[in-house]
Amino acid sequence: MIGVSTFDYYFIKACIIGLHYIAPLCILYCVYLLTVYGLQATRYPVPLFVETIAVAESLFFLLVYIPYRRHLQKEAIHPPALAKADRKELFKLCIENIPDHEAYLRKWFLGAELKDIKEDNVKEFMLWAFFNRGGPPGDDDEELNEYIKATEEHLGTKIEPGRGKAKCLRLTLDKVDMLHRSLIWYFCVGFVDFLTYMTLLFQGFTFYRSPLRQFFTLFPFRPQVLFAKNKSPAKHLTYWYRPHTSKTKIPILFVHGIGIGLYPYTHFLNELNSQAGLKSSDPNDQVGIIAVEIMSVSFRITHDVLEKDEMCAEIASILRHHGWDKVVLVSHSYGTVVSTHLMKDRTTSKMIGPIVLIDPVSILLHLPDVAYNFTRRQPQRANEHQLYYFASMDMSISHALSRHFFWSENIIWKKDLKGHNVTVSLSGQDLIVDTEAVGTYMANKDISLTPQSQAQSQYRKATKPTSRNRWKQRPWKGHGIDVLWFENLDHAQVFGKAATRRPLITAIRTYCGQGKVK
């Protein structure tokens, strides 16, 4: 993630303007030539290279982006609602783990004043959040009234009857917002993908490709697929594999987050088998790594993001293909959602040993921060503009979050982590996650925060340790739940320097030694 300096701001704005307005300018240029010169426009004395770009960008916008945007607006297919008892248990977990109930409600209603949020508004939100639907309350009205009463008790005030002017965030029911991406941008993505390919090959990884018949289902195209000998046992997932030679350690499964694929993680993956920056020659020290590629959240035009059961089945097939029955599960950001599914799935849960969650979005996902910060916040700072344009407004990513991201399936609670040694890595300046709340929840018995720590500011100054935030200075233990706190880092910046990667690598390698391969 980029910084927040003035230079960073103007740099990212220049990049966005340059990339975003290529297509409109190309269309205007083509319209001008056709209007002024008609069929003689092809003889207009402009370099062929410029004309080719102008025509290609115009056709891509008109024939690909516009139809694809319309296609992506189709309604989400929501999972069935939980049984009433399970739903009440989920509601209880949620309402007991909210640091500031007024701030919670207002943020889910896009910053509306509390007086504008009335009973009907809250019921509309709860129907989406706990019943996976829109529409009128119907037969669920009695249960909704129970939830309203409980909310009022925690809020400390009565919610007025009727409907106010507030509008709530209902991610999978709202419109899929997206912005056009130019062909030049996709060329850049393809170039970075090739750099990643060459880097990981050099680091000793082997690429497992998708079936060749799927070559044209992914854009930008991946020419390296045509030369890769190894075929993935999964239908959709491609991945990188480093052999496991250790007899005393267990291998690593890594799942990346939203972004440009595995490129930001190449140093991290390489250093997992290094000691003080040097490769060990001892085969017993070499742990295997499988790094899965999720193309639907990697700035590509491709198939829809896999549903949780299909994702778990494909990852299970990959692990079985290599004979791995136990792994250290390491994931970053959106990858922690996939980790949640793997931990809850009957088949893959048996394969999961220790767990490392980096910048997790799945912990306390009932809080509005992740959904609001990623999809609704109006960007102000440089890093917010970067997140908004390059990630939030990407066509495939926006569709993945707006039509396939069901929070009640994606959330992970501490009770779900029992039986695992877990390390959670958090960044104090995270622009997506309320890391103060997540850290407090993971390190303490409850989430109730002191007035000074409520409503986390993403850019506040560090405060002196208190009884509630002393967990930030606790040493890493290697058993139970550990929290690694990086006060001055933003989302994903932990991968940027060797010094900040080192605590993660130490934790992962320690976990690798906590179990034997059967």
Protein backbone atom coordinates (compact mmCIF):
# COMPACT_ATOMS: atom_id res chain seq x y z
CA MET A 1 0.00 0.00 0.00
CA ILE A 2 1.27 3.46 -0.92
CA GLY A 3 2.02 6.06 1.78
CA VAL A 4 0.06 9.18 2.73
CA SER A 5 2.54 11.94 1.87
CA THR A 6 1.75 14.84 -0.44
CA PHE A 7 4.01 13.34 -3.10
CA ASP A 8 2.19 10.00 -2.81
CA TYR A 9 -1.14 11.80 -3.23
CA TYR A 10 -0.20 13.61 -6.42
CA PHE A 11 1.58 10.55 -7.80
CA ILE A 12 -1.41 8.23 -7.35
CA LYS A 13 -3.85 10.87 -8.66
CA ALA A 14 -1.70 11.32 -11.77
CA CYS A 15 -1.65 7.54 -12.32
CA ILE A 16 -5.42 7.30 -11.92
CA ILE A 17 -6.14 10.23 -14.25
CA GLY A 18 -3.71 8.92 -16.84
CA LEU A 19 -5.17 5.41 -16.83
CA HIS A 20 -8.83 6.30 -16.43
CA TYR A 21 -9.16 8.86 -19.19
CA ILE A 22 -7.37 6.94 -21.91
CA ALA A 23 -10.57 5.33 -23.19
CA PRO A 24 -12.71 8.52 -23.29
CA LEU A 25 -9.92 10.37 -25.12
CA CYS A 26 -9.53 7.51 -27.60
CA ILE A 27 -13.28 7.44 -28.29
CA LEU A 28 -13.36 11.21 -28.79
CA TYR A 29 -10.36 10.96 -31.11
CA CYS A 30 -12.03 8.24 -33.23
CA VAL A 31 -15.34 10.12 -33.36
CA TYR A 32 -13.51 13.29 -34.41
CA LEU A 33 -11.66 11.55 -37.24
CA LEU A 34 -14.80 9.84 -38.54
CA THR A 35 -16.82 13.07 -38.30
CA VAL A 36 -14.25 15.26 -40.04
CA TYR A 37 -12.70 12.83 -42.52
CA GLY A 38 -15.31 10.09 -42.85
CA LEU A 39 -14.00 6.97 -44.60
CA GLN A 40 -10.79 8.85 -45.42
CA ALA A 41 -9.91 8.83 -41.71
CA THR A 42 -7.67 5.81 -42.23
CA ARG A 43 -5.43 7.99 -44.43
CA TYR A 44 -5.11 10.70 -41.78
CA PRO A 45 -1.37 11.33 -41.20
CA VAL A 46 -1.13 9.93 -37.67
CA PRO A 47 1.33 7.20 -36.66
CA LEU A 48 -0.18 3.73 -37.03
CA PHE A 49 0.74 2.95 -33.41
CA VAL A 50 -1.42 5.83 -32.12
CA GLU A 51 -4.36 4.89 -34.35
CA THR A 52 -4.12 1.25 -33.28
CA ILE A 53 -4.26 2.17 -29.60
CA ALA A 54 -7.16 4.57 -30.16
CA VAL A 55 -9.24 2.02 -32.07
CA ALA A 56 -8.39 -0.86 -29.68
CA GLU A 57 -9.24 1.15 -26.56
CA SER A 58 -12.51 2.38 -28.11
CA LEU A 59 -13.60 -1.10 -29.17
CA PHE A 60 -12.64 -2.58 -25.79
CA PHE A 61 -14.74 0.02 -23.98
CA LEU A 62 -17.78 -0.39 -26.23
CA LEU A 63 -17.71 -4.13 -26.90
CA VAL A 64 -16.26 -5.52 -23.66
CA TYR A 65 -16.62 -3.13 -20.73
CA ILE A 66 -20.20 -1.95 -21.30
CA PRO A 67 -21.72 -5.44 -21.89
CA TYR A 68 -19.61 -6.93 -19.09
CA ARG A 69 -20.71 -4.22 -16.65
CA ARG A 70 -24.34 -4.93 -17.49
CA HIS A 71 -23.78 -8.66 -17.02
CA LEU A 72 -22.21 -8.15 -13.59
CA GLN A 73 -25.31 -6.37 -12.26
CA LYS A 74 -27.24 -9.63 -12.03
CA GLU A 75 -28.68 -10.31 -8.59
CA ALA A 76 -26.67 -12.33 -6.09
CA ILE A 77 -27.74 -15.87 -5.28
CA HIS A 78 -27.80 -15.70 -1.50
CA PRO A 79 -27.17 -18.76 0.65
CA PRO A 80 -30.16 -20.09 2.63
CA ALA A 81 -30.85 -18.25 5.88
CA LEU A 82 -29.57 -19.89 9.04
CA ALA A 83 -31.95 -21.84 11.22
CA LYS A 84 -33.63 -19.63 13.83
CA ALA A 85 -31.53 -20.95 16.74
CA ASP A 86 -28.28 -20.50 14.81
CA ARG A 87 -29.36 -17.05 13.70
CA LYS A 88 -30.05 -15.99 17.29
CA GLU A 89 -26.67 -17.30 18.37
CA LEU A 90 -24.99 -15.34 15.57
CA PHE A 91 -26.87 -12.16 16.53
CA LYS A 92 -25.84 -12.64 20.17
CA LEU A 93 -22.18 -13.03 19.18
CA CYS A 94 -22.37 -9.91 17.06
CA ILE A 95 -24.11 -7.63 19.50
CA GLU A 96 -21.82 -8.66 22.37
CA ASN A 97 -18.74 -7.85 20.30
CA ILE A 98 -19.36 -4.24 19.27
CA PRO A 99 -17.04 -1.63 20.79
CA ASP A 100 -19.35 1.34 20.15
CA HIS A 101 -22.98 0.58 19.33
CA GLU A 102 -23.89 4.05 18.12
CA ALA A 103 -20.84 4.25 15.83
CA TYR A 104 -21.61 0.69 14.63
CA LEU A 105 -25.16 1.56 13.63
CA ARG A 106 -24.32 4.89 12.06
CA LYS A 107 -21.52 3.45 9.93
CA TRP A 108 -23.71 0.67 8.56
CA PHE A 109 -26.06 3.51 7.61
CA LEU A 110 -23.29 5.40 5.79
CA GLY A 111 -22.76 8.00 8.51
CA ALA A 112 -26.43 8.96 9.01
CA GLU A 113 -27.50 10.69 12.20
CA LEU A 114 -29.06 8.38 14.79
CA LYS A 115 -32.37 10.29 14.60
CA ASP A 116 -32.66 9.35 10.92
CA ILE A 117 -32.29 5.62 11.65
CA LYS A 118 -35.67 4.26 12.67
CA GLU A 119 -37.19 0.82 13.23
CA ASP A 120 -38.01 0.08 9.61
CA ASN A 121 -34.51 1.09 8.56
CA VAL A 122 -32.93 -1.22 11.13
CA LYS A 123 -35.24 -4.08 10.14
CA GLU A 124 -34.27 -3.59 6.50
CA PHE A 125 -30.60 -3.86 7.48
CA MET A 126 -31.18 -6.90 9.71
CA LEU A 127 -33.13 -8.73 6.99
CA TRP A 128 -30.05 -8.49 4.80
CA ALA A 129 -27.55 -9.16 7.57
CA PHE A 130 -29.22 -12.12 9.29
CA PHE A 131 -31.84 -13.43 6.86
CA ASN A 132 -29.95 -13.04 3.56
CA ARG A 133 -32.79 -11.20 1.82
CA GLY A 134 -34.50 -7.91 1.17
CA GLY A 135 -38.21 -7.14 1.03
CA PRO A 136 -40.75 -6.68 3.85
CA PRO A 137 -40.32 -8.38 7.26
CA GLY A 138 -43.27 -10.76 6.74
CA ASP A 139 -43.20 -13.75 9.09
CA ASP A 140 -39.85 -12.68 10.49
CA ASP A 141 -41.21 -9.50 12.07
CA GLU A 142 -41.51 -10.98 15.58
CA GLU A 143 -37.89 -12.13 15.57
CA LEU A 144 -36.80 -8.77 14.18
CA ASN A 145 -38.58 -7.00 17.04
CA GLU A 146 -36.53 -9.09 19.48
CA TYR A 147 -33.36 -7.94 17.76
CA ILE A 148 -34.55 -4.32 17.82
CA LYS A 149 -35.18 -4.56 21.57
CA ALA A 150 -31.73 -6.05 22.21
CA THR A 151 -30.14 -3.34 20.06
CA GLU A 152 -31.92 -0.63 22.06
CA GLU A 153 -30.63 -2.12 25.33
CA HIS A 154 -27.04 -2.03 24.14
CA LEU A 155 -27.50 1.35 22.46
CA GLY A 156 -28.94 2.88 25.61
CA THR A 157 -31.75 4.63 23.75
CA LYS A 158 -34.98 3.76 22.00
CA ILE A 159 -35.12 3.42 18.23
CA GLU A 160 -38.08 5.42 16.98
CA PRO A 161 -40.85 3.62 15.06
CA GLY A 162 -41.39 4.26 11.34
CA ARG A 163 -38.87 4.90 8.59
CA GLY A 164 -36.17 7.57 8.55
CA LYS A 165 -34.24 8.99 5.62
CA ALA A 166 -31.10 6.94 6.37
CA LYS A 167 -29.93 4.40 3.80
CA CYS A 168 -28.09 1.29 4.92
CA LEU A 169 -25.19 -0.56 3.29
CA ARG A 170 -26.40 -3.96 2.02
CA LEU A 171 -23.40 -5.16 0.09
CA THR A 172 -24.93 -8.08 -1.82
CA LEU A 173 -28.19 -6.26 -2.62
CA ASP A 174 -26.81 -2.88 -3.64
CA LYS A 175 -25.65 -1.96 -7.14
CA VAL A 176 -22.25 -3.27 -8.26
CA ASP A 177 -20.13 -0.11 -8.57
CA MET A 178 -17.15 -0.29 -10.93
CA LEU A 179 -14.97 1.84 -13.17
CA HIS A 180 -13.53 1.14 -16.61
CA ARG A 181 -10.03 -0.28 -16.97
CA SER A 182 -8.00 0.52 -20.09
CA LEU A 183 -6.18 -2.00 -22.22
CA ILE A 184 -2.94 -0.28 -21.23
CA TRP A 185 -3.73 -1.09 -17.59
CA TYR A 186 -4.32 -4.74 -18.45
CA PHE A 187 -1.03 -4.74 -20.36
CA CYS A 188 0.67 -3.55 -17.14
CA VAL A 189 -1.06 -6.33 -15.19
CA GLY A 190 0.13 -8.90 -17.72
CA PHE A 191 3.69 -7.57 -17.51
CA VAL A 192 3.72 -7.80 -13.70
CA ASP A 193 2.27 -11.30 -13.98
CA PHE A 194 5.19 -12.29 -16.22
CA LEU A 195 7.68 -10.77 -13.74
CA THR A 196 6.04 -12.81 -10.97
CA TYR A 197 6.29 -15.93 -13.11
CA MET A 198 10.00 -15.46 -13.77
CA THR A 199 10.74 -14.52 -10.13
CA LEU A 200 9.03 -17.55 -8.64
CA LEU A 201 10.66 -19.87 -11.19
CA PHE A 202 14.05 -18.47 -10.18
CA GLN A 203 13.17 -19.03 -6.51
CA GLY A 204 12.60 -22.74 -7.10
CA PHE A 205 8.82 -22.83 -7.46
CA THR A 206 6.98 -24.85 -10.10
CA PHE A 207 3.89 -23.44 -11.81
CA TYR A 208 0.75 -25.59 -12.08
CA ARG A 209 -1.42 -24.22 -14.86
CA SER A 210 -5.11 -24.41 -15.66
CA PRO A 211 -6.34 -26.56 -18.60
CA LEU A 212 -5.30 -25.11 -21.97
CA ARG A 213 -8.93 -24.96 -23.08
CA GLN A 214 -9.41 -22.20 -20.47
CA PHE A 215 -6.69 -20.00 -22.01
CA PHE A 216 -9.17 -17.47 -23.44
CA THR A 217 -11.31 -17.34 -20.27
CA LEU A 218 -8.75 -15.15 -18.51
CA PHE A 219 -7.72 -11.63 -19.56
CA PRO A 220 -5.01 -10.45 -19.80
CA PHE A 221 -3.91 -13.72 -21.36
CA ARG A 222 -1.06 -15.68 -19.77
CA PRO A 223 1.33 -16.88 -22.52
CA GLN A 224 3.40 -18.72 -19.91
CA VAL A 225 0.53 -21.17 -19.48
CA LEU A 226 1.28 -22.51 -22.96
CA PHE A 227 4.78 -23.53 -21.89
CA ALA A 228 4.04 -24.86 -18.40
CA LYS A 229 4.23 -28.66 -18.27
CA ASN A 230 2.42 -29.24 -14.99
CA LYS A 231 -1.37 -29.12 -14.91
CA SER A 232 -3.31 -28.23 -11.80
CA PRO A 233 -5.57 -30.99 -10.44
CA ALA A 234 -8.15 -28.28 -9.75
CA LYS A 235 -10.60 -27.07 -12.38
CA HIS A 236 -10.02 -23.34 -11.88
CA LEU A 237 -7.22 -22.74 -9.38
CA THR A 238 -3.64 -22.36 -10.53
CA TYR A 239 -0.81 -22.38 -8.01
CA TRP A 240 2.92 -22.35 -7.35
CA TYR A 241 4.59 -25.33 -5.66
CA ARG A 242 7.90 -25.71 -3.86
CA PRO A 243 8.72 -29.33 -2.92
CA HIS A 244 8.58 -30.44 0.71
CA THR A 245 11.74 -32.33 1.73
CA SER A 246 11.68 -31.98 5.52
CA LYS A 247 10.84 -35.10 7.55
CA THR A 248 10.20 -33.24 10.79
CA LYS A 249 8.24 -30.20 9.64
CA ILE A 250 4.88 -29.63 8.00
CA PRO A 251 4.48 -27.62 4.76
CA ILE A 252 2.78 -24.28 4.14
CA LEU A 253 -0.39 -23.35 2.27
CA PHE A 254 -0.48 -19.64 1.37
CA VAL A 255 -3.58 -17.74 0.17
CA HIS A 256 -3.08 -14.17 -1.08
CA GLY A 257 -5.35 -11.16 -0.82
CA ILE A 258 -6.98 -8.77 -3.28
CA GLY A 259 -4.43 -7.13 -5.57
CA ILE A 260 -2.14 -8.03 -8.42
CA GLY A 261 -1.73 -11.68 -7.50
CA LEU A 262 1.41 -13.08 -5.86
CA TYR A 263 3.81 -10.33 -6.94
CA PRO A 264 3.80 -8.43 -3.58
CA TYR A 265 4.57 -11.68 -1.74
CA THR A 266 7.55 -12.99 -3.74
CA HIS A 267 10.20 -11.89 -1.20
CA PHE A 268 8.09 -13.25 1.65
CA LEU A 269 7.64 -16.65 -0.02
CA ASN A 270 11.32 -16.87 -0.86
CA GLU A 271 12.43 -16.03 2.68
CA LEU A 272 10.29 -18.75 4.24
CA ASN A 273 13.14 -21.18 3.51
CA SER A 274 15.94 -18.80 4.41
CA GLN A 275 17.90 -18.36 7.60
CA ALA A 276 19.23 -14.83 8.16
CA GLY A 277 18.77 -14.22 4.44
CA LEU A 278 20.75 -17.32 3.41
CA LYS A 279 19.29 -20.48 1.91
CA SER A 280 19.85 -23.61 4.01
CA SER A 281 21.36 -26.60 2.21
CA ASP A 282 19.89 -29.07 4.69
CA PRO A 283 16.95 -30.88 2.98
CA ASN A 284 15.36 -31.38 6.40
CA ASP A 285 15.15 -27.63 6.76
CA GLN A 286 13.24 -27.11 3.50
CA VAL A 287 9.49 -26.84 3.97
CA GLY A 288 7.14 -27.15 1.04
CA ILE A 289 4.98 -24.22 -0.05
CA ILE A 290 1.81 -24.12 -2.12
CA ALA A 291 0.80 -20.57 -3.04
CA VAL A 292 -2.68 -20.54 -4.57
CA GLU A 293 -3.64 -17.98 -7.24
CA ILE A 294 -7.15 -16.50 -7.06
CA MET A 295 -7.49 -14.74 -10.40
CA SER A 296 -10.99 -13.36 -9.75
CA VAL A 297 -9.52 -10.94 -7.16
CA SER A 298 -6.28 -10.23 -9.05
CA PHE A 299 -7.22 -7.41 -11.47
CA ARG A 300 -8.26 -9.88 -14.20
CA ILE A 301 -11.38 -10.46 -16.28
CA THR A 302 -12.26 -14.07 -15.66
CA HIS A 303 -14.81 -16.45 -14.17
CA ASP A 304 -16.76 -15.49 -11.05
CA VAL A 305 -15.07 -16.03 -7.71
CA LEU A 306 -15.54 -19.62 -6.58
CA GLU A 307 -18.20 -20.34 -3.98
CA LYS A 308 -16.85 -21.57 -0.65
CA ASP A 309 -17.58 -25.28 -1.16
CA GLU A 310 -16.01 -25.28 -4.61
CA MET A 311 -12.96 -23.35 -3.38
CA CYS A 312 -12.43 -25.81 -0.51
CA ALA A 313 -12.86 -28.80 -2.81
CA GLU A 314 -10.29 -27.46 -5.29
CA ILE A 315 -7.73 -26.65 -2.59
CA ALA A 316 -8.27 -30.10 -1.05
CA SER A 317 -7.60 -31.69 -4.44
CA ILE A 318 -4.35 -29.71 -4.74
CA LEU A 319 -3.15 -30.80 -1.28
CA ARG A 320 -4.04 -34.43 -1.94
CA HIS A 321 -2.25 -34.30 -5.30
CA HIS A 322 1.00 -33.57 -3.46
CA GLY A 323 0.30 -35.97 -0.60
CA TRP A 324 -0.04 -33.26 2.04
CA ASP A 325 -2.40 -34.14 4.89
CA LYS A 326 -1.40 -31.33 7.30
CA VAL A 327 -0.32 -27.75 6.58
CA VAL A 328 0.44 -24.47 8.26
CA LEU A 329 -2.27 -22.18 6.86
CA VAL A 330 -0.99 -18.69 6.05
CA SER A 331 -3.27 -16.10 4.47
CA HIS A 332 -3.45 -12.38 3.87
CA SER A 333 -6.44 -9.99 3.79
CA TYR A 334 -9.11 -11.48 1.48
CA GLY A 335 -7.24 -14.77 1.76
CA THR A 336 -8.34 -14.94 5.42
CA VAL A 337 -11.90 -15.33 4.13
CA VAL A 338 -10.78 -18.40 2.18
CA SER A 339 -9.03 -19.57 5.36
CA THR A 340 -12.32 -19.25 7.23
CA HIS A 341 -13.98 -21.56 4.72
CA LEU A 342 -11.09 -24.04 4.89
CA MET A 343 -11.31 -24.15 8.68
CA LYS A 344 -15.06 -24.77 8.64
CA ASP A 345 -15.14 -27.29 5.78
CA ARG A 346 -15.38 -30.94 6.89
CA THR A 347 -12.65 -32.12 4.54
CA THR A 348 -10.09 -29.32 4.65
CA SER A 349 -10.46 -28.59 8.38
CA LYS A 350 -8.69 -31.90 9.09
CA MET A 351 -5.71 -30.69 7.02
CA ILE A 352 -5.24 -27.40 8.89
CA GLY A 353 -2.60 -27.19 11.61
CA PRO A 354 -1.28 -23.86 12.99
CA ILE A 355 -2.66 -20.70 11.41
CA VAL A 356 -1.21 -17.28 10.55
CA LEU A 357 -3.70 -14.55 9.61
CA ILE A 358 -2.13 -11.37 8.22
CA ASP A 359 -4.24 -8.19 8.03
CA PRO A 360 -7.34 -10.39 8.52
CA VAL A 361 -10.68 -9.11 7.23
CA SER A 362 -12.64 -12.13 8.50
CA ILE A 363 -12.29 -11.43 12.24
CA LEU A 364 -15.15 -9.24 13.58
CA LEU A 365 -16.49 -8.97 10.05
CA HIS A 366 -19.88 -7.99 11.48
CA LEU A 367 -18.38 -4.57 12.20
CA PRO A 368 -18.95 -2.13 9.33
CA ASP A 369 -15.32 -1.11 8.81
CA VAL A 370 -14.28 -3.62 6.14
CA ALA A 371 -17.43 -3.26 4.03
CA TYR A 372 -17.61 0.53 4.41
CA ASN A 373 -13.90 1.29 3.98
CA PHE A 374 -13.55 -0.94 0.95
CA THR A 375 -16.74 -0.12 -0.93
CA ARG A 376 -18.32 3.13 0.27
CA ARG A 377 -15.71 5.48 1.72
CA GLN A 378 -15.00 8.54 -0.38
CA PRO A 379 -11.19 8.59 -0.76
CA GLN A 380 -9.20 11.50 0.64
CA ARG A 381 -5.62 10.32 1.25
CA ALA A 382 -3.26 8.76 -1.28
CA ASN A 383 -3.67 5.21 0.05
CA GLU A 384 -7.45 5.56 0.01
CA HIS A 385 -7.38 6.65 -3.65
CA GLN A 386 -5.15 3.69 -4.45
CA LEU A 387 -7.53 1.28 -2.72
CA TYR A 388 -10.64 2.86 -4.24
CA TYR A 389 -9.57 3.00 -7.88
CA PHE A 390 -7.31 -0.01 -8.29
CA ALA A 391 -9.15 -2.46 -6.00
CA SER A 392 -12.66 -1.36 -4.97
CA MET A 393 -13.70 -0.24 -8.45
CA ASP A 394 -12.09 -3.11 -10.37
CA MET A 395 -14.83 -4.94 -12.29
CA SER A 396 -14.12 -8.48 -11.11
CA ILE A 397 -13.24 -7.49 -7.54
CA SER A 398 -16.31 -5.31 -7.15
CA HIS A 399 -18.48 -8.13 -8.46
CA ALA A 400 -16.79 -10.66 -6.14
CA LEU A 401 -17.55 -8.51 -3.10
CA SER A 402 -21.00 -7.33 -4.17
CA ARG A 403 -22.41 -10.67 -5.37
CA HIS A 404 -20.35 -13.41 -3.70
CA PHE A 405 -19.25 -12.00 -0.33
CA PHE A 406 -21.68 -13.21 2.34
CA TRP A 407 -20.40 -11.93 5.66
CA SER A 408 -22.07 -14.56 7.88
CA GLU A 409 -20.24 -17.31 5.95
CA ASN A 410 -16.95 -15.42 5.95
CA ILE A 411 -16.69 -14.39 9.60
CA ILE A 412 -14.41 -16.27 12.01
CA TRP A 413 -14.79 -16.22 15.78
CA LYS A 414 -12.28 -17.17 18.47
CA LYS A 415 -14.31 -20.27 19.25
CA ASP A 416 -13.71 -21.45 15.67
CA LEU A 417 -9.94 -21.34 16.28
CA LYS A 418 -9.89 -23.72 19.23
CA GLY A 419 -7.39 -26.52 18.81
CA HIS A 420 -5.06 -24.39 16.66
CA ASN A 421 -2.06 -22.26 17.48
CA VAL A 422 -2.84 -18.94 15.83
CA THR A 423 -0.87 -15.79 15.07
CA VAL A 424 -2.76 -12.68 13.98
CA SER A 425 -0.70 -9.90 12.39
CA LEU A 426 -2.23 -6.41 12.63
CA SER A 427 -1.14 -2.98 11.39
CA GLY A 428 -1.88 0.11 13.45
CA GLN A 429 -2.57 2.35 10.42
CA ASP A 430 -4.71 -0.19 8.52
CA LEU A 431 -7.09 1.73 6.24
CA ILE A 432 -9.52 -1.21 5.90
CA VAL A 433 -9.71 -3.11 9.20
CA ASP A 434 -10.46 -1.78 12.69
CA THR A 435 -7.30 -3.42 14.00
CA GLU A 436 -7.71 -1.93 17.49
CA ALA A 437 -11.00 -3.80 17.91
CA VAL A 438 -9.66 -7.00 16.32
CA GLY A 439 -6.54 -7.00 18.51
CA THR A 440 -8.55 -6.35 21.66
CA TYR A 441 -10.96 -9.16 20.77
CA MET A 442 -8.21 -11.68 20.03
CA ALA A 443 -6.04 -10.80 23.05
CA ASN A 444 -8.67 -10.21 25.76
CA LYS A 445 -11.75 -11.93 27.13
CA ASP A 446 -14.16 -9.39 25.65
CA ILE A 447 -14.17 -6.53 23.18
CA SER A 448 -15.48 -3.73 25.45
CA LEU A 449 -13.11 -0.83 24.88
CA THR A 450 -12.28 2.09 27.07
CA PRO A 451 -13.79 5.44 25.97
CA GLN A 452 -10.32 6.53 24.83
CA SER A 453 -9.99 3.58 22.44
CA GLN A 454 -13.53 3.49 21.04
CA ALA A 455 -14.18 4.40 17.42
CA GLN A 456 -10.63 3.79 16.18
CA SER A 457 -9.09 6.56 14.12
CA GLN A 458 -7.03 5.09 11.28
CA TYR A 459 -4.31 7.71 11.66
CA ARG A 460 -4.23 8.50 15.38
CA LYS A 461 -0.96 8.77 17.27
CA ALA A 462 0.23 5.86 19.40
CA THR A 463 -0.94 5.99 23.03
CA LYS A 464 0.72 4.74 26.17
CA PRO A 465 -0.03 1.11 27.12
CA THR A 466 -3.15 0.57 29.26
CA SER A 467 -4.69 -2.54 30.74
CA ARG A 468 -6.75 -2.82 27.53
CA ASN A 469 -4.00 -2.37 24.92
CA ARG A 470 -1.06 -3.96 26.70
CA TRP A 471 -1.45 -6.88 24.29
CA LYS A 472 0.42 -4.80 21.70
CA GLN A 473 3.67 -5.27 23.61
CA ARG A 474 3.24 -8.92 24.55
CA PRO A 475 6.04 -11.21 23.33
CA TRP A 476 5.17 -13.90 20.82
CA LYS A 477 4.66 -17.26 22.58
CA GLY A 478 4.00 -19.79 19.82
CA HIS A 479 1.00 -21.43 21.46
CA GLY A 480 -2.62 -20.38 21.83
CA ILE A 481 -3.45 -17.03 20.21
CA ASP A 482 -0.66 -14.53 19.53
CA VAL A 483 -0.99 -11.01 18.15
CA LEU A 484 1.83 -9.29 16.23
CA TRP A 485 1.28 -5.52 16.25
CA PHE A 486 2.95 -3.17 13.74
CA GLU A 487 2.01 0.29 14.95
CA ASN A 488 3.16 2.37 11.98
CA LEU A 489 2.20 0.10 9.08
CA ASP A 490 -0.79 0.23 6.74
CA HIS A 491 -2.63 -2.69 5.18
CA ALA A 492 -0.19 -5.07 3.38
CA GLN A 493 2.88 -2.95 4.24
CA VAL A 494 4.19 -5.72 6.50
CA PHE A 495 5.41 -7.47 3.32
CA GLY A 496 7.39 -4.43 2.18
CA LYS A 497 10.56 -4.78 4.28
CA ALA A 498 12.68 -7.68 5.50
CA ALA A 499 12.55 -6.34 9.07
CA THR A 500 8.75 -6.47 9.23
CA ARG A 501 8.55 -9.80 7.39
CA ARG A 502 10.96 -11.42 9.85
CA PRO A 503 8.53 -11.84 12.81
CA LEU A 504 5.99 -13.45 10.48
CA ILE A 505 8.57 -15.82 9.03
CA THR A 506 9.80 -16.75 12.51
CA ALA A 507 6.25 -17.58 13.60
CA ILE A 508 5.53 -19.62 10.47
CA ARG A 509 8.77 -21.61 10.65
CA THR A 510 8.16 -22.32 14.33
CA TYR A 511 4.68 -23.58 13.48
CA CYS A 512 6.14 -25.78 10.73
CA GLY A 513 8.19 -27.54 13.41
CA GLN A 514 5.20 -28.18 15.65
CA GLY A 515 3.93 -31.16 13.70
CA LYS A 516 5.24 -34.17 11.82
CA VAL A 517 4.23 -35.27 8.36
CA LYS A 518 2.44 -38.62 8.65
